[in-house]
Amino acid sequence: MKYLVLLCDGMSDHPQPGLGNKTPMQVAVKPNMDRLCSQGETGLLNTGVAELPMGSDVGNLTVLGYDPRKYFTGRAPLEAKNLGVELSKGETAFRCNLVHVKDGVMDDYSAGHLDTESGRELIKMLNKRLGAPGVRFAGGTQYRHLLMIKGAGFENARCTPPHDISGKPIADYLPQGAKNKELRKLMEDSTFLLEGHEVNRERRAAGKKTANMIWLWGQGRGMELPSFDSRYGVKGSVISAVDLIKGLGRYAGLEVVEVPGATGWIDTDFKGKAEAGIKALKKRDFLFLHFEVTDEAGHKGDAAVKVKGIEEIDSKVLGPMLEALKGQDLRIMVLPDHSTPLELKTHIFEPVPYFIWDSRATSGSGLPFDEASALSTGRHLVEGWDLMGRFIKG
């Protein structure tokens, strides 16, 4: 048996006036998802818990079958794992976004979707200028980077994700509580260093948004996770454009498959990810194939991109993979890790739709894949981490 999980980050949404009071999932033309859903099982599941922030870290940990209440320590340690950054004793990792702030307002949490090369050049400079004993920066992907800082209390700071405050004054959301003065100073000092850097001078001249500040959040210390194979008896792989998901895969003992041209946005190489996925399933029996575009579009409030992202995943990924895997015993699960409603531009804690399809099944739900169809079944898995066991074991 081969197992494919197609994770469309932040895909579920609310009815939108601009889409005829339908959700992006309802509007998107996605014949492959709808057909498999109609032939399989659909319903709702919780991908988070009330006591933890609803993010891709908690959501994907849940989907992979791990209770986040037991294992979650923070977002940044997952990204550090993928980047090969080992956390020493007493060290806390922070997610370090390169953002664009305009007139004191969070104008763009991604600094205009900064490219990886430029982002790493800026982080390298910050590490040289702001790094010190117990303080170090590490380059990541695009606008997503890391700060590691040693000392008691940093893990207890209260920090806000920058994608939660788009269009809002940053003064209301700077770090609070433990060690807030040290964290704020690093953020403030970064503005003077970043503004005059050659990367930003070139971006400004080209009419692009500059990366003119760092934003610290998602902190945590190292985590321990039992391997996916030890829990489910299946060896697998993970494909994603983002360090968070790849780091989670490494903690779970999954093989990380790198795909050149995978960006996490609508310009990602959908075809390349599908081809890599087909090869991965020939080598191992389980694949966690993650797409970020639907979440990014939600954060930006871009309905057109969110709809297009769903359609591209269906036509350029799911369709070709079904064709390539035809004739094999195959189970497919498609779902988001959380909702990112277009009108809110942030993650929220609410049940999300899923479907499970089995190539050997003879009957199914008869329903298309969307939020309303899943709700209509009355099937709702409250402890969402139990779904993976049902998917693998039947």
Protein backbone atom coordinates (compact mmCIF):
# COMPACT_ATOMS: atom_id res chain seq x y z
CA MET A 1 0.00 0.00 0.00
CA LYS A 2 1.17 3.52 -0.87
CA TYR A 3 0.05 6.51 1.21
CA LEU A 4 -0.11 10.10 -0.02
CA VAL A 5 -1.02 13.05 2.21
CA LEU A 6 -1.59 16.22 0.20
CA LEU A 7 -1.46 19.11 2.66
CA CYS A 8 -2.81 22.41 1.31
CA ASP A 9 -1.72 24.85 4.01
CA GLY A 10 -4.48 27.22 5.19
CA MET A 11 -6.79 26.16 2.35
CA SER A 12 -10.12 26.18 4.20
CA ASP A 13 -11.90 29.51 4.42
CA HIS A 14 -15.20 31.32 4.89
CA PRO A 15 -17.80 32.30 2.26
CA GLN A 16 -16.56 35.45 0.56
CA PRO A 17 -18.76 38.19 -0.94
CA GLY A 18 -16.26 38.59 -3.78
CA LEU A 19 -16.67 34.90 -4.63
CA GLY A 20 -20.47 34.87 -4.69
CA ASN A 21 -20.62 34.01 -0.99
CA LYS A 22 -18.68 30.83 -1.62
CA THR A 23 -15.32 29.71 -0.30
CA PRO A 24 -12.20 29.34 -2.48
CA MET A 25 -12.59 25.57 -2.20
CA GLN A 26 -16.14 25.79 -3.54
CA VAL A 27 -15.19 28.12 -6.39
CA ALA A 28 -11.99 26.35 -7.49
CA VAL A 29 -12.21 23.95 -10.41
CA LYS A 30 -10.68 20.81 -8.87
CA PRO A 31 -12.12 17.72 -10.59
CA ASN A 32 -9.57 15.30 -9.13
CA MET A 33 -10.15 16.29 -5.51
CA ASP A 34 -13.92 16.32 -5.97
CA ARG A 35 -13.96 12.90 -7.64
CA LEU A 36 -11.81 11.26 -4.96
CA CYS A 37 -13.83 12.89 -2.19
CA SER A 38 -17.07 11.61 -3.71
CA GLN A 39 -15.60 8.10 -3.80
CA GLY A 40 -14.17 8.27 -0.30
CA GLU A 41 -14.80 9.53 3.23
CA THR A 42 -15.07 13.20 4.15
CA GLY A 43 -15.63 15.11 7.36
CA LEU A 44 -14.14 17.65 9.74
CA LEU A 45 -11.28 17.46 12.21
CA ASN A 46 -9.64 19.72 14.75
CA THR A 47 -6.00 20.37 13.95
CA GLY A 48 -5.26 22.34 17.09
CA VAL A 49 -6.06 22.68 20.76
CA ALA A 50 -7.39 25.70 22.60
CA GLU A 51 -4.34 26.09 24.84
CA LEU A 52 -1.86 26.46 21.94
CA PRO A 53 -1.63 29.07 19.15
CA MET A 54 -3.20 27.93 15.88
CA GLY A 55 -0.36 27.78 13.40
CA SER A 56 1.18 25.56 10.77
CA ASP A 57 3.49 24.12 13.41
CA VAL A 58 0.69 22.83 15.63
CA GLY A 59 -1.54 22.00 12.66
CA ASN A 60 0.97 19.90 10.75
CA LEU A 61 2.17 18.18 13.92
CA THR A 62 -1.45 17.17 14.49
CA VAL A 63 -1.98 15.97 10.91
CA LEU A 64 1.15 13.81 11.15
CA GLY A 65 -0.42 12.09 14.14
CA TYR A 66 1.29 13.75 17.11
CA ASP A 67 -0.62 15.29 20.01
CA PRO A 68 0.78 18.85 20.16
CA ARG A 69 0.05 19.06 23.87
CA LYS A 70 2.74 16.41 24.40
CA TYR A 71 5.34 17.39 21.83
CA PHE A 72 5.10 21.03 20.75
CA THR A 73 7.81 23.36 22.09
CA GLY A 74 7.66 26.18 19.54
CA ARG A 75 7.90 26.88 15.83
CA ALA A 76 11.50 28.03 15.54
CA PRO A 77 13.10 24.77 16.79
CA LEU A 78 11.42 22.94 13.90
CA GLU A 79 12.97 25.31 11.38
CA ALA A 80 16.33 25.10 13.13
CA LYS A 81 16.22 21.32 12.75
CA ASN A 82 15.94 21.58 8.97
CA LEU A 83 18.70 24.16 8.74
CA GLY A 84 21.06 21.96 10.73
CA VAL A 85 21.20 24.47 13.56
CA GLU A 86 21.77 22.63 16.83
CA LEU A 87 20.44 24.37 19.94
CA SER A 88 22.82 24.32 22.86
CA LYS A 89 21.74 24.03 26.47
CA GLY A 90 19.94 27.18 27.61
CA GLU A 91 19.48 28.45 24.07
CA THR A 92 16.12 29.57 22.67
CA ALA A 93 15.42 29.79 18.93
CA PHE A 94 13.22 32.56 17.53
CA ARG A 95 11.73 32.81 14.08
CA CYS A 96 13.25 35.95 12.57
CA ASN A 97 11.15 37.37 9.75
CA LEU A 98 12.56 40.04 7.47
CA VAL A 99 9.56 42.37 7.17
CA HIS A 100 8.62 45.70 5.61
CA VAL A 101 7.32 48.31 8.04
CA LYS A 102 5.90 51.57 6.69
CA ASP A 103 5.02 54.54 8.90
CA GLY A 104 4.96 52.28 11.94
CA VAL A 105 2.57 49.79 10.32
CA MET A 106 3.23 46.15 9.38
CA ASP A 107 3.02 46.64 5.62
CA ASP A 108 4.35 43.22 4.50
CA TYR A 109 5.34 40.31 6.74
CA SER A 110 7.37 38.82 3.85
CA ALA A 111 9.17 42.00 2.68
CA GLY A 112 7.65 41.58 -0.76
CA HIS A 113 8.39 37.84 -0.82
CA LEU A 114 12.10 38.46 -0.49
CA ASP A 115 14.23 35.94 -2.37
CA THR A 116 16.41 33.51 -0.41
CA GLU A 117 19.76 34.83 -1.62
CA SER A 118 18.95 38.40 -0.59
CA GLY A 119 17.51 37.29 2.73
CA ARG A 120 20.59 35.28 3.65
CA GLU A 121 22.86 38.16 2.70
CA LEU A 122 20.98 40.46 5.05
CA ILE A 123 21.00 37.92 7.87
CA LYS A 124 24.74 37.37 7.41
CA MET A 125 25.25 41.10 7.87
CA LEU A 126 23.04 41.19 10.97
CA ASN A 127 24.94 38.28 12.49
CA LYS A 128 28.18 40.17 11.98
CA ARG A 129 26.85 43.45 13.40
CA LEU A 130 24.37 42.31 16.07
CA GLY A 131 25.73 38.88 16.89
CA ALA A 132 27.50 38.53 20.23
CA PRO A 133 28.31 35.83 22.80
CA GLY A 134 24.95 34.12 23.29
CA VAL A 135 23.33 35.83 20.27
CA ARG A 136 23.51 34.40 16.74
CA PHE A 137 21.51 34.60 13.51
CA ALA A 138 21.08 31.82 10.91
CA GLY A 139 19.90 32.20 7.35
CA GLY A 140 16.79 30.33 6.24
CA THR A 141 14.51 30.54 3.21
CA GLN A 142 13.18 33.72 1.56
CA TYR A 143 12.08 36.01 4.40
CA ARG A 144 12.08 33.25 7.06
CA HIS A 145 15.21 33.15 9.22
CA LEU A 146 16.33 32.38 12.79
CA LEU A 147 17.77 34.03 15.87
CA MET A 148 19.27 31.93 18.65
CA ILE A 149 19.74 33.58 22.01
CA LYS A 150 21.03 32.12 25.28
CA GLY A 151 19.68 32.90 28.70
CA ALA A 152 16.82 32.10 31.04
CA GLY A 153 13.41 33.56 30.31
CA PHE A 154 13.55 34.15 26.56
CA GLU A 155 11.32 31.13 25.91
CA ASN A 156 8.59 32.82 27.98
CA ALA A 157 8.39 36.05 25.99
CA ARG A 158 5.00 36.89 24.49
CA CYS A 159 5.47 37.47 20.78
CA THR A 160 3.00 37.99 17.93
CA PRO A 161 3.39 36.47 14.43
CA PRO A 162 3.83 39.28 11.89
CA HIS A 163 1.29 37.75 9.51
CA ASP A 164 -1.33 38.28 12.22
CA ILE A 165 -0.91 42.06 12.21
CA SER A 166 -0.86 43.03 8.53
CA GLY A 167 -1.91 46.66 8.23
CA LYS A 168 -1.72 47.26 11.98
CA PRO A 169 0.60 49.53 14.04
CA ILE A 170 3.55 47.45 15.24
CA ALA A 171 3.86 49.37 18.52
CA ASP A 172 0.89 47.44 19.89
CA TYR A 173 2.46 44.06 19.12
CA LEU A 174 6.13 44.30 20.04
CA PRO A 175 7.42 41.56 22.40
CA GLN A 176 5.92 41.62 25.86
CA GLY A 177 6.77 39.99 29.17
CA ALA A 178 10.03 38.18 29.81
CA LYS A 179 13.12 39.68 28.16
CA ASN A 180 11.02 42.07 26.07
CA LYS A 181 13.60 44.89 26.35
CA GLU A 182 16.42 42.75 24.92
CA LEU A 183 14.23 41.50 22.07
CA ARG A 184 12.88 44.94 21.22
CA LYS A 185 16.38 46.39 21.12
CA LEU A 186 17.50 43.79 18.59
CA MET A 187 14.47 44.56 16.44
CA GLU A 188 14.99 48.32 16.66
CA ASP A 189 18.73 48.09 16.00
CA SER A 190 18.09 46.02 12.88
CA THR A 191 16.22 48.88 11.20
CA PHE A 192 19.29 51.12 11.05
CA LEU A 193 21.47 48.36 9.66
CA LEU A 194 19.01 47.03 7.11
CA GLU A 195 17.81 50.28 5.61
CA GLY A 196 21.14 51.23 4.07
CA HIS A 197 22.23 47.77 2.93
CA GLU A 198 22.97 47.31 -0.76
CA VAL A 199 20.23 44.67 -1.09
CA ASN A 200 17.64 47.18 0.04
CA ARG A 201 19.10 50.02 -2.02
CA GLU A 202 18.70 47.85 -5.11
CA ARG A 203 15.17 46.78 -4.15
CA ARG A 204 14.18 50.39 -3.52
CA ALA A 205 15.55 51.46 -6.90
CA ALA A 206 13.59 48.65 -8.57
CA GLY A 207 10.36 49.73 -6.86
CA LYS A 208 10.28 46.68 -4.60
CA LYS A 209 9.51 46.57 -0.89
CA THR A 210 12.57 46.60 1.31
CA ALA A 211 13.37 44.26 4.20
CA ASN A 212 13.73 47.06 6.73
CA MET A 213 13.23 45.31 10.09
CA ILE A 214 13.45 41.92 11.76
CA TRP A 215 10.43 40.53 13.60
CA LEU A 216 10.98 37.95 16.35
CA TRP A 217 8.35 35.33 17.26
CA GLY A 218 7.61 31.59 17.41
CA GLN A 219 10.30 30.91 20.00
CA GLY A 220 11.04 27.61 21.66
CA ARG A 221 13.66 25.12 22.74
CA GLY A 222 14.57 21.76 21.22
CA MET A 223 11.95 19.03 21.03
CA GLU A 224 11.88 15.22 20.99
CA LEU A 225 9.57 13.26 18.72
CA PRO A 226 9.12 9.50 18.27
CA SER A 227 9.68 8.51 14.66
CA PHE A 228 6.77 8.15 12.25
CA ASP A 229 7.97 4.65 11.38
CA SER A 230 7.97 3.55 15.03
CA ARG A 231 4.37 4.75 15.42
CA TYR A 232 2.85 3.53 12.16
CA GLY A 233 5.27 0.98 10.72
CA VAL A 234 5.73 2.93 7.49
CA LYS A 235 8.84 4.66 6.15
CA GLY A 236 8.18 7.92 4.39
CA SER A 237 9.27 11.19 2.87
CA VAL A 238 8.30 14.85 3.06
CA ILE A 239 8.32 17.48 0.32
CA SER A 240 7.83 21.16 1.11
CA ALA A 241 9.19 24.59 0.27
CA VAL A 242 9.35 25.73 3.89
CA ASP A 243 11.85 24.93 6.63
CA LEU A 244 9.12 24.43 9.23
CA ILE A 245 7.63 21.40 7.47
CA LYS A 246 10.98 19.94 6.50
CA GLY A 247 12.21 20.33 10.07
CA LEU A 248 9.11 18.59 11.38
CA GLY A 249 9.75 15.81 8.89
CA ARG A 250 13.32 15.41 10.11
CA TYR A 251 12.17 15.20 13.74
CA ALA A 252 9.70 12.50 12.64
CA GLY A 253 12.40 10.54 10.82
CA LEU A 254 10.98 11.22 7.35
CA GLU A 255 13.34 11.65 4.41
CA VAL A 256 13.36 15.28 3.23
CA VAL A 257 13.21 15.54 -0.57
CA GLU A 258 14.48 18.84 -1.92
CA VAL A 259 12.81 20.22 -5.06
CA PRO A 260 14.55 23.04 -6.95
CA GLY A 261 12.05 25.76 -7.78
CA ALA A 262 9.80 25.09 -4.78
CA THR A 263 9.03 28.56 -3.41
CA GLY A 264 5.92 28.38 -1.23
CA TRP A 265 4.10 30.81 -3.54
CA ILE A 266 2.06 30.61 -6.77
CA ASP A 267 5.31 30.56 -8.78
CA THR A 268 6.39 27.29 -7.16
CA ASP A 269 7.26 24.39 -9.44
CA PHE A 270 4.06 22.35 -9.12
CA LYS A 271 5.14 19.94 -11.85
CA GLY A 272 8.54 19.44 -10.24
CA LYS A 273 6.98 18.68 -6.87
CA ALA A 274 4.64 16.14 -8.47
CA GLU A 275 7.52 14.41 -10.25
CA ALA A 276 9.55 14.35 -7.04
CA GLY A 277 6.54 12.94 -5.21
CA ILE A 278 6.13 10.10 -7.68
CA LYS A 279 9.80 9.18 -7.30
CA ALA A 280 9.56 9.38 -3.50
CA LEU A 281 6.64 6.95 -3.45
CA LYS A 282 8.59 4.47 -5.52
CA LYS A 283 11.31 4.53 -2.87
CA ARG A 284 9.18 4.70 0.28
CA ASP A 285 5.53 3.95 1.01
CA PHE A 286 4.43 7.24 2.65
CA LEU A 287 4.64 10.81 1.35
CA PHE A 288 3.70 14.07 3.07
CA LEU A 289 3.44 16.57 0.21
CA HIS A 290 2.98 20.13 1.45
CA PHE A 291 1.92 23.31 -0.40
CA GLU A 292 2.22 26.76 1.16
CA VAL A 293 0.58 28.94 -1.51
CA THR A 294 -2.96 28.68 -0.15
CA ASP A 295 -1.85 29.92 3.26
CA GLU A 296 0.24 32.78 1.86
CA ALA A 297 -2.71 33.88 -0.28
CA GLY A 298 -4.95 33.85 2.80
CA HIS A 299 -2.49 36.03 4.72
CA LYS A 300 -2.44 38.50 1.85
CA GLY A 301 -6.22 38.44 1.42
CA ASP A 302 -5.75 37.43 -2.22
CA ALA A 303 -8.78 35.37 -3.25
CA ALA A 304 -7.66 34.96 -6.86
CA VAL A 305 -4.32 33.44 -5.89
CA LYS A 306 -5.94 31.18 -3.31
CA VAL A 307 -8.38 29.80 -5.87
CA LYS A 308 -5.64 29.44 -8.49
CA GLY A 309 -3.39 27.69 -6.00
CA ILE A 310 -6.04 25.04 -5.31
CA GLU A 311 -6.59 24.55 -9.03
CA GLU A 312 -2.85 24.23 -9.74
CA ILE A 313 -2.43 21.61 -7.02
CA ASP A 314 -5.36 19.64 -8.41
CA SER A 315 -4.37 19.79 -12.08
CA LYS A 316 -0.57 19.82 -11.95
CA VAL A 317 0.04 17.63 -8.90
CA LEU A 318 -2.85 15.37 -7.94
CA GLY A 319 -3.88 14.54 -11.51
CA PRO A 320 -0.42 13.49 -12.73
CA MET A 321 0.29 11.56 -9.54
CA LEU A 322 -2.96 9.61 -9.86
CA GLU A 323 -2.04 8.71 -13.43
CA ALA A 324 1.50 7.67 -12.49
CA LEU A 325 0.32 5.55 -9.56
CA LYS A 326 -2.59 3.93 -11.39
CA GLY A 327 -2.97 0.23 -10.70
CA GLN A 328 -1.33 0.34 -7.26
CA ASP A 329 -3.04 -0.05 -3.91
CA LEU A 330 -3.17 3.57 -2.84
CA ARG A 331 -4.66 5.72 -0.12
CA ILE A 332 -4.82 9.50 -0.45
CA MET A 333 -5.72 12.06 2.19
CA VAL A 334 -6.17 15.74 1.26
CA LEU A 335 -6.69 18.45 3.85
CA PRO A 336 -5.46 21.80 5.20
CA ASP A 337 -3.63 22.17 8.48
CA HIS A 338 -5.86 25.09 9.56
CA SER A 339 -8.09 27.82 8.15
CA THR A 340 -6.65 31.13 6.93
CA PRO A 341 -9.75 33.17 6.04
CA LEU A 342 -9.22 35.87 3.44
CA GLU A 343 -11.07 38.52 5.43
CA LEU A 344 -9.02 37.88 8.58
CA LYS A 345 -5.62 37.28 6.96
CA THR A 346 -4.56 35.02 9.82
CA HIS A 347 -4.96 31.49 11.18
CA ILE A 348 -7.98 30.65 13.29
CA PHE A 349 -8.95 27.67 15.41
CA GLU A 350 -11.90 25.94 13.75
CA PRO A 351 -12.54 22.47 12.28
CA VAL A 352 -11.16 21.89 8.78
CA PRO A 353 -12.36 19.52 6.02
CA TYR A 354 -10.55 16.37 4.97
CA PHE A 355 -11.14 13.41 2.71
CA ILE A 356 -9.62 9.94 2.59
CA TRP A 357 -9.76 7.91 -0.63
CA ASP A 358 -8.80 4.25 -1.02
CA SER A 359 -8.22 2.79 -4.49
CA ARG A 360 -9.96 -0.44 -3.37
CA ALA A 361 -13.14 1.25 -2.08
CA THR A 362 -16.43 0.56 -3.86
CA SER A 363 -18.56 3.38 -2.41
CA GLY A 364 -18.11 6.85 -0.94
CA SER A 365 -19.63 10.09 0.25
CA GLY A 366 -20.93 11.27 -3.11
CA LEU A 367 -19.87 14.79 -2.08
CA PRO A 368 -17.43 17.35 -3.53
CA PHE A 369 -14.51 18.46 -1.40
CA ASP A 370 -15.30 21.63 0.50
CA GLU A 371 -16.15 22.95 3.94
CA ALA A 372 -19.93 22.72 3.60
CA SER A 373 -19.87 19.14 2.31
CA ALA A 374 -17.62 18.03 5.16
CA LEU A 375 -19.90 19.72 7.69
CA SER A 376 -22.99 18.06 6.22
CA THR A 377 -21.68 14.57 7.05
CA GLY A 378 -21.83 15.17 10.81
CA ARG A 379 -18.42 13.48 11.07
CA HIS A 380 -16.09 15.53 13.30
CA LEU A 381 -12.85 14.23 14.80
CA VAL A 382 -12.09 16.39 17.83
CA GLU A 383 -8.65 14.91 18.53
CA GLY A 384 -7.29 15.36 15.04
CA TRP A 385 -4.01 13.53 15.70
CA ASP A 386 -5.99 10.27 15.67
CA LEU A 387 -6.77 10.64 11.96
CA MET A 388 -3.32 9.54 10.78
CA GLY A 389 -3.69 6.18 12.51
CA ARG A 390 -7.03 5.61 10.78
CA PHE A 391 -5.52 6.69 7.44
CA ILE A 392 -2.59 4.29 7.71
CA LYS A 393 -4.28 1.34 9.38
CA GLY A 394 -7.73 1.68 7.85
